[in-house]
């Protein structure tokens, strides 16, 4: 798969995370307001009671569980998220998304933007950043990723409140894109 090879070529290591998660991981630990998600009616494990609607919380959890690993840590996931979709028979749809994080004492917006630029450039995709706000990110260091006039993701530095919730000591810079939408545009 070209996207995976490209991310590995940029120095990122792939992680494979489960699509099952919980509201605390998706919302509280990411400093965001809860939204409608697909919940499991009779979960066998309390910490796996819903389907993820974005990848970044899974990567933050991975970093939190692997703090003894040498820095810098650069990881990515190209995986499924499940979104509500009233037009479908199941009222859900799965999409392929891509998220990447870098963490070390000097991780910053410029570093992750450079990785995103290399990734998009290799696919010949023209893109731009539009200033935005997002509670998981530091204000002034976060942007919406725009392709063909459509918002397809987010790039920025993680809010210290979120780092604290995950017990992470180093800054984290990240991007997450709806890979499916990017490739189709």
Protein backbone atom coordinates (compact mmCIF):
# COMPACT_ATOMS: atom_id res chain seq x y z
CA UNK A 1 0.00 0.00 0.00
CA UNK A 2 1.52 3.28 -1.18
CA UNK A 3 0.26 5.41 1.72
CA UNK A 4 1.78 3.09 4.32
CA UNK A 5 5.12 2.89 2.49
CA UNK A 6 5.18 6.67 2.24
CA UNK A 7 4.57 7.16 5.97
CA UNK A 8 7.28 4.60 6.80
CA UNK A 9 9.58 6.44 4.38
CA UNK A 10 8.89 9.64 6.34
CA UNK A 11 10.14 7.89 9.49
CA UNK A 12 6.82 6.88 11.04
CA UNK A 13 6.07 3.46 12.50
CA UNK A 14 2.62 1.97 11.89
CA UNK A 15 0.35 1.08 14.78
CA UNK A 16 -2.71 -1.13 14.60
CA UNK A 17 -5.41 -0.18 17.06
CA UNK A 18 -8.84 -1.64 17.67
CA UNK A 19 -11.87 0.21 16.30
CA UNK A 20 -13.62 -0.42 19.62
CA UNK A 21 -13.03 2.23 22.27
CA UNK A 22 -14.95 4.24 24.89
CA UNK A 23 -16.36 7.73 25.41
CA UNK A 24 -13.66 8.73 27.90
CA UNK A 25 -10.95 8.05 25.31
CA UNK A 26 -12.83 9.76 22.47
CA UNK A 27 -14.07 12.82 24.33
CA UNK A 28 -12.97 13.51 27.92
CA UNK A 29 -9.28 12.71 27.44
CA UNK A 30 -9.29 14.67 24.16
CA UNK A 31 -10.94 17.72 25.81
CA UNK A 32 -13.89 17.64 23.38
CA UNK A 33 -17.66 17.68 23.79
CA UNK A 34 -19.34 14.30 23.25
CA UNK A 35 -21.01 13.80 19.86
CA UNK A 36 -23.30 11.08 18.60
CA UNK A 37 -21.39 7.85 18.03
CA UNK A 38 -22.15 4.19 17.49
CA UNK A 39 -22.45 2.51 20.87
CA UNK A 40 -22.33 -1.24 21.53
CA UNK A 41 -25.55 -2.34 23.26
CA UNK A 42 -24.07 -5.20 25.28
CA UNK A 43 -20.28 -4.74 25.49
CA UNK A 44 -18.22 -7.62 26.87
CA UNK A 45 -15.54 -5.17 28.04
CA UNK A 46 -16.52 -1.85 29.65
CA UNK A 47 -13.61 0.00 28.02
CA UNK A 48 -14.77 -1.11 24.57
CA UNK A 49 -18.34 0.11 24.38
CA UNK A 50 -18.41 2.18 21.16
CA UNK A 51 -16.83 2.53 17.72
CA UNK A 52 -14.25 5.26 17.16
CA UNK A 53 -15.17 8.26 15.03
CA UNK A 54 -11.58 9.50 14.71
CA UNK A 55 -8.10 7.96 15.01
CA UNK A 56 -6.16 10.45 17.12
CA UNK A 57 -7.44 9.22 20.51
CA UNK A 58 -6.14 5.71 19.66
CA UNK A 59 -2.70 7.12 18.88
CA UNK A 60 -2.67 9.20 22.07
CA UNK A 61 -3.54 6.08 24.05
CA UNK A 62 -0.73 4.21 22.28
CA UNK A 63 1.76 6.95 23.25
CA UNK A 64 0.49 6.92 26.82
CA UNK A 65 1.08 3.16 27.04
CA UNK A 66 4.57 3.36 25.49
CA UNK A 67 6.31 6.14 27.38
CA UNK A 68 9.36 4.03 28.16
CA UNK A 69 10.17 3.83 24.43
CA UNK A 70 13.01 6.06 23.24
CA UNK A 71 12.18 9.50 21.79
CA UNK A 72 11.47 10.78 19.23
CA UNK A 73 8.38 8.64 18.71
CA UNK A 74 6.71 8.96 15.31
CA UNK A 75 3.68 6.75 14.73
CA UNK A 76 0.76 6.59 12.32
CA UNK A 77 -2.38 4.62 11.65
CA UNK A 78 -4.27 4.17 8.41
CA UNK A 79 -7.49 2.66 9.67
CA UNK A 80 -11.26 2.59 9.79
CA UNK A 81 -13.52 5.00 11.60
CA UNK A 82 -17.27 4.46 11.78
CA UNK A 83 -19.59 7.41 11.31
CA UNK A 84 -23.35 7.82 11.57
CA UNK A 85 -25.01 7.98 8.14
CA UNK A 86 -28.82 8.02 8.00
CA UNK A 87 -28.75 7.36 4.23
CA UNK A 88 -27.32 3.84 4.71
CA UNK A 89 -29.31 0.73 5.60
CA UNK A 90 -27.13 0.19 8.69
CA UNK A 91 -27.23 3.96 9.42
CA UNK A 92 -23.41 3.86 9.58
CA UNK A 93 -20.51 4.03 7.18
CA UNK A 94 -16.86 3.07 7.53
CA UNK A 95 -14.17 5.36 6.12
CA UNK A 96 -10.40 5.03 5.83
CA UNK A 97 -8.63 7.77 7.76
CA UNK A 98 -4.95 8.50 8.34
CA UNK A 99 -3.47 10.00 11.50
CA UNK A 100 0.17 10.60 12.38
CA UNK A 101 1.81 11.89 15.56
CA UNK A 102 5.29 12.90 16.49
CA UNK A 103 6.39 13.38 20.08
CA UNK A 104 9.73 14.50 21.53
CA UNK A 105 10.92 17.55 23.52
CA UNK A 106 10.81 19.81 20.43
CA UNK A 107 7.82 18.40 18.49
CA UNK A 108 5.99 21.27 16.79
CA UNK A 109 3.58 22.44 14.11
CA UNK A 110 6.29 22.97 11.48
CA UNK A 111 7.53 19.38 11.80
CA UNK A 112 4.10 17.77 11.39
CA UNK A 113 3.11 20.19 8.61
CA UNK A 114 6.27 19.20 6.75
CA UNK A 115 5.34 15.49 7.04
CA UNK A 116 1.81 16.24 5.83
CA UNK A 117 3.18 18.32 2.95
CA UNK A 118 5.47 15.46 1.86
CA UNK A 119 2.62 12.97 2.11
CA UNK A 120 0.17 15.08 0.07
CA UNK A 121 2.86 16.07 -2.43
CA UNK A 122 3.68 12.44 -3.18
CA UNK A 123 0.03 11.89 -4.11
CA UNK A 124 0.01 15.08 -6.20
CA UNK A 125 -2.67 16.57 -3.96
CA UNK A 126 -2.87 20.33 -3.62
CA UNK A 127 -3.95 21.36 -0.15
CA UNK A 128 -3.98 24.30 2.19
CA UNK A 129 -4.40 25.10 5.84
CA UNK A 130 -7.19 27.30 7.15
CA UNK A 131 -6.93 28.71 10.65
CA UNK A 132 -9.38 27.08 13.05
CA UNK A 133 -9.90 26.24 16.71
CA UNK A 134 -10.24 22.76 18.19
CA UNK A 135 -10.31 21.96 21.93
CA UNK A 136 -7.78 19.11 21.54
CA UNK A 137 -5.20 21.52 20.10
CA UNK A 138 -3.31 24.64 21.19
CA UNK A 139 -5.09 27.77 19.97
CA UNK A 140 -3.10 29.42 17.19
CA UNK A 141 -1.27 26.17 16.43
CA UNK A 142 -4.08 24.26 14.71
CA UNK A 143 -5.53 24.36 11.23
CA UNK A 144 -8.15 22.70 9.08
CA UNK A 145 -6.74 20.76 6.13
CA UNK A 146 -8.54 21.83 2.93
CA UNK A 147 -8.47 19.87 -0.35
CA UNK A 148 -10.56 21.06 -3.30
CA UNK A 149 -12.37 23.57 -1.09
CA UNK A 150 -13.47 20.81 1.33
CA UNK A 151 -12.27 20.32 4.90
CA UNK A 152 -10.66 16.86 5.09
CA UNK A 153 -8.79 16.95 8.38
CA UNK A 154 -6.86 18.79 11.04
CA UNK A 155 -3.18 19.51 11.78
CA UNK A 156 -1.59 20.99 14.88
CA UNK A 157 -0.02 20.77 18.31
CA UNK A 158 -1.90 18.96 21.08
CA UNK A 159 -3.31 21.04 23.95
CA UNK A 160 -1.34 20.65 27.23
CA UNK A 161 -4.63 19.70 28.97
CA UNK A 162 -4.90 16.69 26.65
CA UNK A 163 -1.25 15.79 27.22
CA UNK A 164 -1.91 15.90 30.96
CA UNK A 165 -4.99 13.64 30.63
CA UNK A 166 -2.83 11.05 28.82
CA UNK A 167 0.07 11.63 31.27
CA UNK A 168 2.40 12.63 28.40
CA UNK A 169 5.38 14.83 29.23
CA UNK A 170 6.57 15.77 25.72
CA UNK A 171 4.75 17.95 23.19
CA UNK A 172 2.75 16.09 20.52
CA UNK A 173 2.18 17.36 16.98
CA UNK A 174 -0.29 15.56 14.74
CA UNK A 175 -2.42 15.48 11.66
CA UNK A 176 -5.51 13.47 10.86
CA UNK A 177 -7.18 13.29 7.46
CA UNK A 178 -10.15 11.57 5.92
CA UNK A 179 -7.88 9.59 3.57
CA UNK A 180 -10.79 8.24 1.57
CA UNK A 181 -12.08 11.73 0.78
CA UNK A 182 -8.57 13.00 -0.05
CA UNK A 183 -7.93 10.17 -2.53
CA UNK A 184 -11.38 10.56 -4.12
CA UNK A 185 -10.98 14.34 -4.64
